[in-house]
């Protein structure tokens, strides 16, 4: 709502790159 009392149903339109898998770059960063 307007006063941010309810944060439900926000993930649908606030998720960056919906439908994409999570890329773990830890191993590449350790190699560098």
PDB file of N, CA and C in Angstrom:
ATOM      1  N   UNK A   1       0.828  -1.186   0.000  1.00  0.00           N
ATOM      2  CA  UNK A   1       0.000   0.000   0.000  1.00  0.00           C
ATOM      3  C   UNK A   1       0.870   1.247   0.000  1.00  0.00           C
ATOM      4  N   UNK A   2       0.283   2.380   0.081  1.00  0.00           N
ATOM      5  CA  UNK A   2       1.004   3.651  -0.039  1.00  0.00           C
ATOM      6  C   UNK A   2       1.997   3.856   1.097  1.00  0.00           C
ATOM      7  N   UNK A   3       1.668   3.387   2.292  1.00  0.00           N
ATOM      8  CA  UNK A   3       2.517   3.620   3.458  1.00  0.00           C
ATOM      9  C   UNK A   3       3.448   2.456   3.754  1.00  0.00           C
ATOM     10  N   UNK A   4       3.617   1.566   2.831  1.00  0.00           N
ATOM     11  CA  UNK A   4       4.543   0.430   2.951  1.00  0.00           C
ATOM     12  C   UNK A   4       4.233  -0.444   4.158  1.00  0.00           C
ATOM     13  N   UNK A   5       2.978  -0.617   4.450  1.00  0.00           N
ATOM     14  CA  UNK A   5       2.586  -1.481   5.556  1.00  0.00           C
ATOM     15  C   UNK A   5       2.540  -2.934   5.126  1.00  0.00           C
ATOM     16  N   UNK A   6       2.416  -3.156   3.861  1.00  0.00           N
ATOM     17  CA  UNK A   6       2.336  -4.521   3.353  1.00  0.00           C
ATOM     18  C   UNK A   6       3.288  -4.676   2.175  1.00  0.00           C
ATOM     19  N   UNK A   7       4.206  -5.631   2.268  1.00  0.00           N
ATOM     20  CA  UNK A   7       5.190  -5.859   1.213  1.00  0.00           C
ATOM     21  C   UNK A   7       4.901  -7.141   0.439  1.00  0.00           C
ATOM     22  N   UNK A   8       3.698  -7.680   0.594  1.00  0.00           N
ATOM     23  CA  UNK A   8       3.346  -8.905  -0.121  1.00  0.00           C
ATOM     24  C   UNK A   8       3.152  -8.616  -1.601  1.00  0.00           C
ATOM     25  N   UNK A   9       3.395  -9.609  -2.406  1.00  0.00           N
ATOM     26  CA  UNK A   9       3.207  -9.541  -3.860  1.00  0.00           C
ATOM     27  C   UNK A   9       4.139  -8.550  -4.551  1.00  0.00           C
ATOM     28  N   UNK A  10       5.257  -8.202  -3.944  1.00  0.00           N
ATOM     29  CA  UNK A  10       6.208  -7.302  -4.594  1.00  0.00           C
ATOM     30  C   UNK A  10       7.271  -8.051  -5.380  1.00  0.00           C
ATOM     31  N   UNK A  11       7.503  -9.305  -5.044  1.00  0.00           N
ATOM     32  CA  UNK A  11       8.576 -10.039  -5.699  1.00  0.00           C
ATOM     33  C   UNK A  11       8.312 -10.240  -7.186  1.00  0.00           C
ATOM     34  N   UNK A  12       7.067 -10.307  -7.577  1.00  0.00           N
ATOM     35  CA  UNK A  12       6.736 -10.547  -8.976  1.00  0.00           C
ATOM     36  C   UNK A  12       7.326  -9.487  -9.901  1.00  0.00           C
ATOM     37  N   UNK A  13       7.306  -8.235  -9.504  1.00  0.00           N
ATOM     38  CA  UNK A  13       7.798  -7.186 -10.393  1.00  0.00           C
ATOM     39  C   UNK A  13       9.070  -6.497  -9.907  1.00  0.00           C
ATOM     40  N   UNK A  14       9.665  -6.969  -8.812  1.00  0.00           N
ATOM     41  CA  UNK A  14      10.916  -6.378  -8.345  1.00  0.00           C
ATOM     42  C   UNK A  14      12.106  -7.315  -8.480  1.00  0.00           C
ATOM     43  N   UNK A  15      11.888  -8.538  -8.920  1.00  0.00           N
ATOM     44  CA  UNK A  15      12.980  -9.491  -9.079  1.00  0.00           C
ATOM     45  C   UNK A  15      13.775  -9.141 -10.336  1.00  0.00           C
ATOM     46  N   UNK A  16      15.084  -8.891 -10.208  1.00  0.00           N
ATOM     47  CA  UNK A  16      15.876  -8.605 -11.400  1.00  0.00           C
ATOM     48  C   UNK A  16      16.064  -9.862 -12.235  1.00  0.00           C
ATOM     49  N   UNK A  17      15.942  -9.733 -13.520  1.00  0.00           N
ATOM     50  CA  UNK A  17      16.122 -10.836 -14.467  1.00  0.00           C
ATOM     51  C   UNK A  17      15.261 -12.044 -14.108  1.00  0.00           C
ATOM     52  N   UNK A  18      13.955 -11.907 -14.142  1.00  0.00           N
ATOM     53  CA  UNK A  18      13.088 -13.043 -13.799  1.00  0.00           C
ATOM     54  C   UNK A  18      13.282 -14.191 -14.775  1.00  0.00           C
ATOM     55  N   UNK A  19      13.284 -15.396 -14.259  1.00  0.00           N
ATOM     56  CA  UNK A  19      13.433 -16.570 -15.102  1.00  0.00           C
ATOM     57  C   UNK A  19      14.873 -16.967 -15.358  1.00  0.00           C
ATOM     58  N   UNK A  20      15.820 -16.174 -14.911  1.00  0.00           N
ATOM     59  CA  UNK A  20      17.232 -16.498 -15.102  1.00  0.00           C
ATOM     60  C   UNK A  20      17.754 -17.230 -13.876  1.00  0.00           C
ATOM     61  N   UNK A  21      18.730 -18.089 -14.065  1.00  0.00           N
ATOM     62  CA  UNK A  21      19.290 -18.820 -12.944  1.00  0.00           C
ATOM     63  C   UNK A  21      20.341 -17.980 -12.229  1.00  0.00           C
ATOM     64  N   UNK A  22      20.601 -18.315 -10.993  1.00  0.00           N
ATOM     65  CA  UNK A  22      21.598 -17.612 -10.192  1.00  0.00           C
ATOM     66  C   UNK A  22      22.987 -18.055 -10.617  1.00  0.00           C
ATOM     67  N   UNK A  23      23.837 -17.105 -10.942  1.00  0.00           N
ATOM     68  CA  UNK A  23      25.188 -17.418 -11.379  1.00  0.00           C
ATOM     69  C   UNK A  23      26.151 -17.232 -10.209  1.00  0.00           C
ATOM     70  N   UNK A  24      26.822 -18.301  -9.821  1.00  0.00           N
ATOM     71  CA  UNK A  24      27.789 -18.245  -8.729  1.00  0.00           C
ATOM     72  C   UNK A  24      29.174 -18.033  -9.324  1.00  0.00           C
ATOM     73  N   UNK A  25      29.771 -16.897  -9.063  1.00  0.00           N
ATOM     74  CA  UNK A  25      31.072 -16.557  -9.635  1.00  0.00           C
ATOM     75  C   UNK A  25      32.208 -16.730  -8.630  1.00  0.00           C
ATOM     76  N   UNK A  26      31.934 -17.394  -7.518  1.00  0.00           N
ATOM     77  CA  UNK A  26      32.936 -17.541  -6.459  1.00  0.00           C
ATOM     78  C   UNK A  26      34.201 -18.230  -6.946  1.00  0.00           C
ATOM     79  N   UNK A  27      34.064 -19.323  -7.663  1.00  0.00           N
ATOM     80  CA  UNK A  27      35.245 -20.057  -8.139  1.00  0.00           C
ATOM     81  C   UNK A  27      36.085 -19.211  -9.087  1.00  0.00           C
ATOM     82  N   UNK A  28      35.456 -18.468  -9.961  1.00  0.00           N
ATOM     83  CA  UNK A  28      36.198 -17.617 -10.887  1.00  0.00           C
ATOM     84  C   UNK A  28      36.919 -16.501 -10.140  1.00  0.00           C
ATOM     85  N   UNK A  29      36.298 -15.945  -9.132  1.00  0.00           N
ATOM     86  CA  UNK A  29      36.941 -14.892  -8.350  1.00  0.00           C
ATOM     87  C   UNK A  29      38.119 -15.439  -7.549  1.00  0.00           C
ATOM     88  N   UNK A  30      37.997 -16.648  -7.041  1.00  0.00           N
ATOM     89  CA  UNK A  30      39.120 -17.259  -6.318  1.00  0.00           C
ATOM     90  C   UNK A  30      40.288 -17.513  -7.255  1.00  0.00           C
ATOM     91  N   UNK A  31      40.012 -17.877  -8.491  1.00  0.00           N
ATOM     92  CA  UNK A  31      41.067 -18.151  -9.464  1.00  0.00           C
ATOM     93  C   UNK A  31      41.838 -16.880  -9.814  1.00  0.00           C
ATOM     94  N   UNK A  32      41.181 -15.760  -9.741  1.00  0.00           N
ATOM     95  CA  UNK A  32      41.848 -14.502 -10.080  1.00  0.00           C
ATOM     96  C   UNK A  32      42.595 -13.967  -8.878  1.00  0.00           C
TER      97      UNK A  32
END
